[in-house]
């Protein structure tokens, strides 16, 4: 769907800051979990990071979809286990 090169800052061993680049391709938008007052959305997607096998991904995205917050990725095995655990919750 979309291929993006995204940069982030991280500290190197010497304590300086360097730019790290990675790519991602959104394979499928599975849905919006929630939306904040400022328009950022917590979304559930399938994303390929750095041309690797796609993973399930939950993270915040800006209203225009160009910025992302920290998130969590899951393999297919992990998402199946998560599905089992959620099914056991008494809500």
PDB file of N, CA and C in Angstrom:
ATOM      1  N   UNK A   1       0.821  -1.191   0.000  1.00  0.00           N
ATOM      2  CA  UNK A   1       0.000   0.000   0.000  1.00  0.00           C
ATOM      3  C   UNK A   1       0.863   1.252   0.000  1.00  0.00           C
ATOM      4  N   UNK A   2       1.759   1.377   0.996  1.00  0.00           N
ATOM      5  CA  UNK A   2       2.628   2.541   1.002  1.00  0.00           C
ATOM      6  C   UNK A   2       4.000   2.119   1.501  1.00  0.00           C
ATOM      7  N   UNK A   3       5.015   2.631   0.869  1.00  0.00           N
ATOM      8  CA  UNK A   3       6.393   2.351   1.261  1.00  0.00           C
ATOM      9  C   UNK A   3       6.996   3.651   1.741  1.00  0.00           C
ATOM     10  N   UNK A   4       7.542   3.638   2.942  1.00  0.00           N
ATOM     11  CA  UNK A   4       8.028   4.856   3.552  1.00  0.00           C
ATOM     12  C   UNK A   4       9.406   4.604   4.137  1.00  0.00           C
ATOM     13  N   UNK A   5      10.295   5.564   3.994  1.00  0.00           N
ATOM     14  CA  UNK A   5      11.565   5.546   4.710  1.00  0.00           C
ATOM     15  C   UNK A   5      11.382   6.470   5.899  1.00  0.00           C
ATOM     16  N   UNK A   6      11.629   5.960   7.069  1.00  0.00           N
ATOM     17  CA  UNK A   6      11.370   6.696   8.285  1.00  0.00           C
ATOM     18  C   UNK A   6      12.652   6.783   9.085  1.00  0.00           C
ATOM     19  N   UNK A   7      12.979   7.933   9.595  1.00  0.00           N
ATOM     20  CA  UNK A   7      14.182   8.106  10.386  1.00  0.00           C
ATOM     21  C   UNK A   7      13.860   8.295  11.844  1.00  0.00           C
ATOM     22  N   UNK A   8      14.729   7.790  12.696  1.00  0.00           N
ATOM     23  CA  UNK A   8      14.575   8.017  14.120  1.00  0.00           C
ATOM     24  C   UNK A   8      15.947   8.273  14.719  1.00  0.00           C
ATOM     25  N   UNK A   9      15.983   8.984  15.823  1.00  0.00           N
ATOM     26  CA  UNK A   9      17.236   9.282  16.479  1.00  0.00           C
ATOM     27  C   UNK A   9      17.497   8.259  17.567  1.00  0.00           C
ATOM     28  N   UNK A  10      18.755   7.867  17.716  1.00  0.00           N
ATOM     29  CA  UNK A  10      19.137   6.976  18.802  1.00  0.00           C
ATOM     30  C   UNK A  10      20.546   7.334  19.243  1.00  0.00           C
ATOM     31  N   UNK A  11      20.869   6.980  20.467  1.00  0.00           N
ATOM     32  CA  UNK A  11      22.214   7.247  20.972  1.00  0.00           C
ATOM     33  C   UNK A  11      23.151   6.149  20.516  1.00  0.00           C
ATOM     34  N   UNK A  12      24.360   6.541  20.116  1.00  0.00           N
ATOM     35  CA  UNK A  12      25.353   5.542  19.765  1.00  0.00           C
ATOM     36  C   UNK A  12      26.215   5.223  20.984  1.00  0.00           C
ATOM     37  N   UNK A  13      27.146   4.312  20.850  1.00  0.00           N
ATOM     38  CA  UNK A  13      27.958   3.853  21.976  1.00  0.00           C
ATOM     39  C   UNK A  13      28.738   4.995  22.624  1.00  0.00           C
ATOM     40  N   UNK A  14      29.174   5.951  21.824  1.00  0.00           N
ATOM     41  CA  UNK A  14      29.946   7.059  22.353  1.00  0.00           C
ATOM     42  C   UNK A  14      29.066   8.132  23.012  1.00  0.00           C
ATOM     43  N   UNK A  15      27.783   7.964  23.020  1.00  0.00           N
ATOM     44  CA  UNK A  15      26.880   8.916  23.654  1.00  0.00           C
ATOM     45  C   UNK A  15      26.342   9.979  22.713  1.00  0.00           C
ATOM     46  N   UNK A  16      26.817   9.986  21.458  1.00  0.00           N
ATOM     47  CA  UNK A  16      26.306  10.929  20.476  1.00  0.00           C
ATOM     48  C   UNK A  16      24.976  10.443  19.918  1.00  0.00           C
ATOM     49  N   UNK A  17      24.349  11.275  19.150  1.00  0.00           N
ATOM     50  CA  UNK A  17      23.066  10.916  18.546  1.00  0.00           C
ATOM     51  C   UNK A  17      23.276  10.727  17.053  1.00  0.00           C
ATOM     52  N   UNK A  18      22.743   9.647  16.519  1.00  0.00           N
ATOM     53  CA  UNK A  18      22.839   9.394  15.084  1.00  0.00           C
ATOM     54  C   UNK A  18      21.453   9.061  14.530  1.00  0.00           C
ATOM     55  N   UNK A  19      21.302   9.188  13.236  1.00  0.00           N
ATOM     56  CA  UNK A  19      20.034   8.928  12.576  1.00  0.00           C
ATOM     57  C   UNK A  19      20.007   7.494  12.087  1.00  0.00           C
ATOM     58  N   UNK A  20      18.934   6.803  12.390  1.00  0.00           N
ATOM     59  CA  UNK A  20      18.745   5.436  11.940  1.00  0.00           C
ATOM     60  C   UNK A  20      17.565   5.432  10.980  1.00  0.00           C
ATOM     61  N   UNK A  21      17.700   4.765   9.849  1.00  0.00           N
ATOM     62  CA  UNK A  21      16.594   4.720   8.890  1.00  0.00           C
ATOM     63  C   UNK A  21      16.059   3.309   8.768  1.00  0.00           C
ATOM     64  N   UNK A  22      14.766   3.229   8.564  1.00  0.00           N
ATOM     65  CA  UNK A  22      14.135   1.958   8.302  1.00  0.00           C
ATOM     66  C   UNK A  22      12.976   2.186   7.343  1.00  0.00           C
ATOM     67  N   UNK A  23      12.519   1.119   6.746  1.00  0.00           N
ATOM     68  CA  UNK A  23      11.387   1.223   5.825  1.00  0.00           C
ATOM     69  C   UNK A  23      10.227   0.409   6.361  1.00  0.00           C
ATOM     70  N   UNK A  24       9.049   0.804   5.957  1.00  0.00           N
ATOM     71  CA  UNK A  24       7.874  -0.008   6.270  1.00  0.00           C
ATOM     72  C   UNK A  24       6.885   0.090   5.119  1.00  0.00           C
ATOM     73  N   UNK A  25       6.141  -0.977   4.954  1.00  0.00           N
ATOM     74  CA  UNK A  25       5.092  -1.007   3.953  1.00  0.00           C
ATOM     75  C   UNK A  25       3.819  -1.498   4.626  1.00  0.00           C
ATOM     76  N   UNK A  26       2.794  -0.675   4.594  1.00  0.00           N
ATOM     77  CA  UNK A  26       1.519  -1.059   5.186  1.00  0.00           C
ATOM     78  C   UNK A  26       0.835  -2.010   4.219  1.00  0.00           C
ATOM     79  N   UNK A  27       0.653  -3.248   4.679  1.00  0.00           N
ATOM     80  CA  UNK A  27       0.025  -4.277   3.855  1.00  0.00           C
ATOM     81  C   UNK A  27      -1.507  -4.196   3.932  1.00  0.00           C
ATOM     82  N   UNK A  28      -1.997  -3.932   5.157  1.00  0.00           N
ATOM     83  CA  UNK A  28      -3.449  -3.895   5.340  1.00  0.00           C
ATOM     84  C   UNK A  28      -3.791  -3.100   6.600  1.00  0.00           C
ATOM     85  N   UNK A  29      -4.813  -2.260   6.491  1.00  0.00           N
ATOM     86  CA  UNK A  29      -5.367  -1.567   7.653  1.00  0.00           C
ATOM     87  C   UNK A  29      -6.495  -2.423   8.196  1.00  0.00           C
ATOM     88  N   UNK A  30      -6.342  -2.917   9.426  1.00  0.00           N
ATOM     89  CA  UNK A  30      -7.342  -3.804  10.003  1.00  0.00           C
ATOM     90  C   UNK A  30      -8.402  -3.058  10.804  1.00  0.00           C
ATOM     91  N   UNK A  31      -8.085  -1.861  11.284  1.00  0.00           N
ATOM     92  CA  UNK A  31      -9.085  -1.083  12.000  1.00  0.00           C
ATOM     93  C   UNK A  31      -8.496  -0.085  12.969  1.00  0.00           C
ATOM     94  N   UNK A  32      -9.347   0.821  13.422  1.00  0.00           N
ATOM     95  CA  UNK A  32      -8.984   1.837  14.407  1.00  0.00           C
ATOM     96  C   UNK A  32      -9.482   1.368  15.764  1.00  0.00           C
ATOM     97  N   UNK A  33      -8.571   1.338  16.737  1.00  0.00           N
ATOM     98  CA  UNK A  33      -8.922   0.916  18.092  1.00  0.00           C
ATOM     99  C   UNK A  33      -9.481   2.085  18.879  1.00  0.00           C
ATOM    100  N   UNK A  34      -8.829   3.250  18.754  1.00  0.00           N
ATOM    101  CA  UNK A  34      -9.302   4.448  19.453  1.00  0.00           C
ATOM    102  C   UNK A  34      -8.743   5.686  18.754  1.00  0.00           C
ATOM    103  N   UNK A  35      -9.323   6.849  19.119  1.00  0.00           N
ATOM    104  CA  UNK A  35      -8.848   8.122  18.578  1.00  0.00           C
ATOM    105  C   UNK A  35      -8.809   9.140  19.701  1.00  0.00           C
ATOM    106  N   UNK A  36      -7.693   9.871  19.793  1.00  0.00           N
ATOM    107  CA  UNK A  36      -7.544  10.884  20.837  1.00  0.00           C
ATOM    108  C   UNK A  36      -8.189  12.196  20.389  1.00  0.00           C
ATOM    109  N   UNK A  37      -8.289  13.120  21.323  1.00  0.00           N
ATOM    110  CA  UNK A  37      -8.882  14.422  21.013  1.00  0.00           C
ATOM    111  C   UNK A  37      -8.098  15.193  19.959  1.00  0.00           C
ATOM    112  N   UNK A  38      -6.776  14.953  19.884  1.00  0.00           N
ATOM    113  CA  UNK A  38      -5.958  15.670  18.898  1.00  0.00           C
ATOM    114  C   UNK A  38      -5.903  14.959  17.550  1.00  0.00           C
ATOM    115  N   UNK A  39      -6.677  13.889  17.386  1.00  0.00           N
ATOM    116  CA  UNK A  39      -6.799  13.229  16.093  1.00  0.00           C
ATOM    117  C   UNK A  39      -5.895  12.034  15.861  1.00  0.00           C
ATOM    118  N   UNK A  40      -4.939  11.795  16.780  1.00  0.00           N
ATOM    119  CA  UNK A  40      -4.086  10.613  16.640  1.00  0.00           C
ATOM    120  C   UNK A  40      -4.925   9.365  16.869  1.00  0.00           C
ATOM    121  N   UNK A  41      -4.667   8.328  16.070  1.00  0.00           N
ATOM    122  CA  UNK A  41      -5.457   7.098  16.146  1.00  0.00           C
ATOM    123  C   UNK A  41      -4.563   5.915  16.504  1.00  0.00           C
ATOM    124  N   UNK A  42      -5.057   5.086  17.422  1.00  0.00           N
ATOM    125  CA  UNK A  42      -4.402   3.818  17.712  1.00  0.00           C
ATOM    126  C   UNK A  42      -4.970   2.821  16.702  1.00  0.00           C
ATOM    127  N   UNK A  43      -4.093   2.338  15.812  1.00  0.00           N
ATOM    128  CA  UNK A  43      -4.549   1.515  14.705  1.00  0.00           C
ATOM    129  C   UNK A  43      -3.926   0.125  14.725  1.00  0.00           C
ATOM    130  N   UNK A  44      -4.675  -0.822  14.191  1.00  0.00           N
ATOM    131  CA  UNK A  44      -4.260  -2.218  14.063  1.00  0.00           C
ATOM    132  C   UNK A  44      -4.024  -2.462  12.579  1.00  0.00           C
ATOM    133  N   UNK A  45      -2.779  -2.782  12.222  1.00  0.00           N
ATOM    134  CA  UNK A  45      -2.402  -2.930  10.818  1.00  0.00           C
ATOM    135  C   UNK A  45      -1.527  -4.160  10.636  1.00  0.00           C
ATOM    136  N   UNK A  46      -1.313  -4.531   9.400  1.00  0.00           N
ATOM    137  CA  UNK A  46      -0.292  -5.507   9.041  1.00  0.00           C
ATOM    138  C   UNK A  46       0.775  -4.721   8.283  1.00  0.00           C
ATOM    139  N   UNK A  47       2.023  -4.763   8.802  1.00  0.00           N
ATOM    140  CA  UNK A  47       3.111  -3.957   8.248  1.00  0.00           C
ATOM    141  C   UNK A  47       4.343  -4.821   8.023  1.00  0.00           C
ATOM    142  N   UNK A  48       4.995  -4.610   6.892  1.00  0.00           N
ATOM    143  CA  UNK A  48       6.295  -5.215   6.619  1.00  0.00           C
ATOM    144  C   UNK A  48       7.354  -4.184   6.974  1.00  0.00           C
ATOM    145  N   UNK A  49       8.230  -4.513   7.927  1.00  0.00           N
ATOM    146  CA  UNK A  49       9.308  -3.626   8.355  1.00  0.00           C
ATOM    147  C   UNK A  49      10.598  -4.056   7.683  1.00  0.00           C
ATOM    148  N   UNK A  50      11.287  -3.118   7.053  1.00  0.00           N
ATOM    149  CA  UNK A  50      12.586  -3.377   6.413  1.00  0.00           C
ATOM    150  C   UNK A  50      12.533  -4.561   5.445  1.00  0.00           C
ATOM    151  N   UNK A  51      11.467  -4.651   4.688  1.00  0.00           N
ATOM    152  CA  UNK A  51      11.280  -5.701   3.676  1.00  0.00           C
ATOM    153  C   UNK A  51      11.265  -7.104   4.255  1.00  0.00           C
ATOM    154  N   UNK A  52      10.943  -7.233   5.547  1.00  0.00           N
ATOM    155  CA  UNK A  52      10.813  -8.546   6.174  1.00  0.00           C
ATOM    156  C   UNK A  52       9.368  -9.025   6.081  1.00  0.00           C
ATOM    157  N   UNK A  53       9.124 -10.232   6.569  1.00  0.00           N
ATOM    158  CA  UNK A  53       7.763 -10.758   6.569  1.00  0.00           C
ATOM    159  C   UNK A  53       6.854  -9.810   7.351  1.00  0.00           C
ATOM    160  N   UNK A  54       5.629  -9.622   6.875  1.00  0.00           N
ATOM    161  CA  UNK A  54       4.704  -8.712   7.561  1.00  0.00           C
ATOM    162  C   UNK A  54       4.378  -9.199   8.975  1.00  0.00           C
ATOM    163  N   UNK A  55       4.124  -8.232   9.858  1.00  0.00           N
ATOM    164  CA  UNK A  55       3.719  -8.519  11.231  1.00  0.00           C
ATOM    165  C   UNK A  55       2.474  -7.703  11.559  1.00  0.00           C
ATOM    166  N   UNK A  56       1.725  -8.195  12.534  1.00  0.00           N
ATOM    167  CA  UNK A  56       0.599  -7.432  13.060  1.00  0.00           C
ATOM    168  C   UNK A  56       1.173  -6.305  13.898  1.00  0.00           C
ATOM    169  N   UNK A  57       0.564  -5.133  13.828  1.00  0.00           N
ATOM    170  CA  UNK A  57       1.142  -3.950  14.439  1.00  0.00           C
ATOM    171  C   UNK A  57       0.050  -3.105  15.079  1.00  0.00           C
ATOM    172  N   UNK A  58       0.294  -2.675  16.317  1.00  0.00           N
ATOM    173  CA  UNK A  58      -0.608  -1.757  17.009  1.00  0.00           C
ATOM    174  C   UNK A  58       0.222  -0.559  17.442  1.00  0.00           C
ATOM    175  N   UNK A  59      -0.147   0.639  16.967  1.00  0.00           N
ATOM    176  CA  UNK A  59       0.558   1.862  17.349  1.00  0.00           C
ATOM    177  C   UNK A  59      -0.305   3.079  17.022  1.00  0.00           C
ATOM    178  N   UNK A  60       0.114   4.227  17.548  1.00  0.00           N
ATOM    179  CA  UNK A  60      -0.569   5.491  17.269  1.00  0.00           C
ATOM    180  C   UNK A  60      -0.054   6.083  15.973  1.00  0.00           C
ATOM    181  N   UNK A  61      -0.985   6.671  15.206  1.00  0.00           N
ATOM    182  CA  UNK A  61      -0.657   7.330  13.939  1.00  0.00           C
ATOM    183  C   UNK A  61      -1.245   8.735  13.948  1.00  0.00           C
ATOM    184  N   UNK A  62      -0.499   9.677  13.395  1.00  0.00           N
ATOM    185  CA  UNK A  62      -0.964  11.066  13.317  1.00  0.00           C
ATOM    186  C   UNK A  62      -2.185  11.157  12.399  1.00  0.00           C
ATOM    187  N   UNK A  63      -2.924  12.257  12.501  1.00  0.00           N
ATOM    188  CA  UNK A  63      -4.121  12.410  11.663  1.00  0.00           C
ATOM    189  C   UNK A  63      -3.846  12.260  10.162  1.00  0.00           C
ATOM    190  N   UNK A  64      -2.673  12.721   9.698  1.00  0.00           N
ATOM    191  CA  UNK A  64      -2.367  12.603   8.272  1.00  0.00           C
ATOM    192  C   UNK A  64      -1.682  11.281   7.919  1.00  0.00           C
ATOM    193  N   UNK A  65      -1.393  10.444   8.934  1.00  0.00           N
ATOM    194  CA  UNK A  65      -0.782   9.141   8.698  1.00  0.00           C
ATOM    195  C   UNK A  65       0.699   9.182   8.380  1.00  0.00           C
ATOM    196  N   UNK A  66       1.336  10.347   8.539  1.00  0.00           N
ATOM    197  CA  UNK A  66       2.754  10.472   8.194  1.00  0.00           C
ATOM    198  C   UNK A  66       3.687  10.273   9.383  1.00  0.00           C
ATOM    199  N   UNK A  67       3.166  10.376  10.597  1.00  0.00           N
ATOM    200  CA  UNK A  67       3.977  10.186  11.800  1.00  0.00           C
ATOM    201  C   UNK A  67       3.394   9.044  12.611  1.00  0.00           C
ATOM    202  N   UNK A  68       4.290   8.364  13.344  1.00  0.00           N
ATOM    203  CA  UNK A  68       3.829   7.258  14.176  1.00  0.00           C
ATOM    204  C   UNK A  68       4.428   7.372  15.565  1.00  0.00           C
ATOM    205  N   UNK A  69       3.716   6.808  16.525  1.00  0.00           N
ATOM    206  CA  UNK A  69       4.229   6.712  17.881  1.00  0.00           C
ATOM    207  C   UNK A  69       4.827   5.329  18.092  1.00  0.00           C
ATOM    208  N   UNK A  70       5.296   5.098  19.304  1.00  0.00           N
ATOM    209  CA  UNK A  70       5.824   3.781  19.629  1.00  0.00           C
ATOM    210  C   UNK A  70       4.686   2.775  19.597  1.00  0.00           C
ATOM    211  N   UNK A  71       5.021   1.566  19.214  1.00  0.00           N
ATOM    212  CA  UNK A  71       3.994   0.551  19.123  1.00  0.00           C
ATOM    213  C   UNK A  71       4.546  -0.829  19.412  1.00  0.00           C
ATOM    214  N   UNK A  72       3.729  -1.814  19.119  1.00  0.00           N
ATOM    215  CA  UNK A  72       4.083  -3.208  19.352  1.00  0.00           C
ATOM    216  C   UNK A  72       3.759  -4.011  18.110  1.00  0.00           C
ATOM    217  N   UNK A  73       4.665  -4.913  17.755  1.00  0.00           N
ATOM    218  CA  UNK A  73       4.417  -5.805  16.630  1.00  0.00           C
ATOM    219  C   UNK A  73       4.272  -7.230  17.138  1.00  0.00           C
ATOM    220  N   UNK A  74       3.525  -8.028  16.387  1.00  0.00           N
ATOM    221  CA  UNK A  74       3.259  -9.417  16.746  1.00  0.00           C
ATOM    222  C   UNK A  74       3.419 -10.304  15.518  1.00  0.00           C
ATOM    223  N   UNK A  75       4.046 -11.453  15.704  1.00  0.00           N
ATOM    224  CA  UNK A  75       4.062 -12.469  14.646  1.00  0.00           C
ATOM    225  C   UNK A  75       2.681 -13.112  14.600  1.00  0.00           C
ATOM    226  N   UNK A  76       2.440 -13.955  13.606  1.00  0.00           N
ATOM    227  CA  UNK A  76       1.151 -14.633  13.528  1.00  0.00           C
ATOM    228  C   UNK A  76       0.934 -15.526  14.752  1.00  0.00           C
ATOM    229  N   UNK A  77       1.983 -16.212  15.195  1.00  0.00           N
ATOM    230  CA  UNK A  77       1.856 -17.072  16.377  1.00  0.00           C
ATOM    231  C   UNK A  77       1.509 -16.250  17.617  1.00  0.00           C
ATOM    232  N   UNK A  78       2.149 -15.085  17.755  1.00  0.00           N
ATOM    233  CA  UNK A  78       1.887 -14.225  18.911  1.00  0.00           C
ATOM    234  C   UNK A  78       0.476 -13.667  18.881  1.00  0.00           C
ATOM    235  N   UNK A  79      -0.008 -13.280  17.717  1.00  0.00           N
ATOM    236  CA  UNK A  79      -1.352 -12.705  17.646  1.00  0.00           C
ATOM    237  C   UNK A  79      -2.412 -13.780  17.923  1.00  0.00           C
ATOM    238  N   UNK A  80      -2.143 -15.034  17.519  1.00  0.00           N
ATOM    239  CA  UNK A  80      -3.067 -16.129  17.836  1.00  0.00           C
ATOM    240  C   UNK A  80      -3.107 -16.375  19.344  1.00  0.00           C
ATOM    241  N   UNK A  81      -1.960 -16.320  20.015  1.00  0.00           N
ATOM    242  CA  UNK A  81      -1.912 -16.474  21.466  1.00  0.00           C
ATOM    243  C   UNK A  81      -2.626 -15.313  22.143  1.00  0.00           C
ATOM    244  N   UNK A  82      -2.411 -14.098  21.644  1.00  0.00           N
ATOM    245  CA  UNK A  82      -3.100 -12.936  22.196  1.00  0.00           C
ATOM    246  C   UNK A  82      -4.608 -13.088  22.053  1.00  0.00           C
ATOM    247  N   UNK A  83      -5.046 -13.596  20.919  1.00  0.00           N
ATOM    248  CA  UNK A  83      -6.476 -13.825  20.681  1.00  0.00           C
ATOM    249  C   UNK A  83      -7.032 -14.801  21.725  1.00  0.00           C
ATOM    250  N   UNK A  84      -6.281 -15.865  22.017  1.00  0.00           N
ATOM    251  CA  UNK A  84      -6.697 -16.828  23.034  1.00  0.00           C
ATOM    252  C   UNK A  84      -6.807 -16.156  24.404  1.00  0.00           C
ATOM    253  N   UNK A  85      -5.794 -15.379  24.762  1.00  0.00           N
ATOM    254  CA  UNK A  85      -5.792 -14.713  26.067  1.00  0.00           C
ATOM    255  C   UNK A  85      -6.948 -13.721  26.215  1.00  0.00           C
ATOM    256  N   UNK A  86      -7.205 -12.972  25.149  1.00  0.00           N
ATOM    257  CA  UNK A  86      -8.317 -11.998  25.191  1.00  0.00           C
ATOM    258  C   UNK A  86      -9.654 -12.723  25.310  1.00  0.00           C
ATOM    259  N   UNK A  87      -9.794 -13.855  24.655  1.00  0.00           N
ATOM    260  CA  UNK A  87     -11.045 -14.624  24.707  1.00  0.00           C
ATOM    261  C   UNK A  87     -11.325 -15.132  26.115  1.00  0.00           C
ATOM    262  N   UNK A  88     -10.288 -15.299  26.931  1.00  0.00           N
ATOM    263  CA  UNK A  88     -10.448 -15.802  28.303  1.00  0.00           C
ATOM    264  C   UNK A  88     -10.842 -14.724  29.289  1.00  0.00           C
ATOM    265  N   UNK A  89     -10.766 -13.458  28.888  1.00  0.00           N
ATOM    266  CA  UNK A  89     -11.082 -12.357  29.807  1.00  0.00           C
ATOM    267  C   UNK A  89     -12.590 -12.282  29.998  1.00  0.00           C
ATOM    268  N   UNK A  90     -13.021 -12.164  31.268  1.00  0.00           N
ATOM    269  CA  UNK A  90     -14.434 -11.988  31.564  1.00  0.00           C
ATOM    270  C   UNK A  90     -14.755 -10.502  31.571  1.00  0.00           C
ATOM    271  N   UNK A  91     -15.421 -10.054  30.504  1.00  0.00           N
ATOM    272  CA  UNK A  91     -15.781  -8.636  30.404  1.00  0.00           C
ATOM    273  C   UNK A  91     -17.276  -8.496  30.568  1.00  0.00           C
TER     274      UNK A  91
END
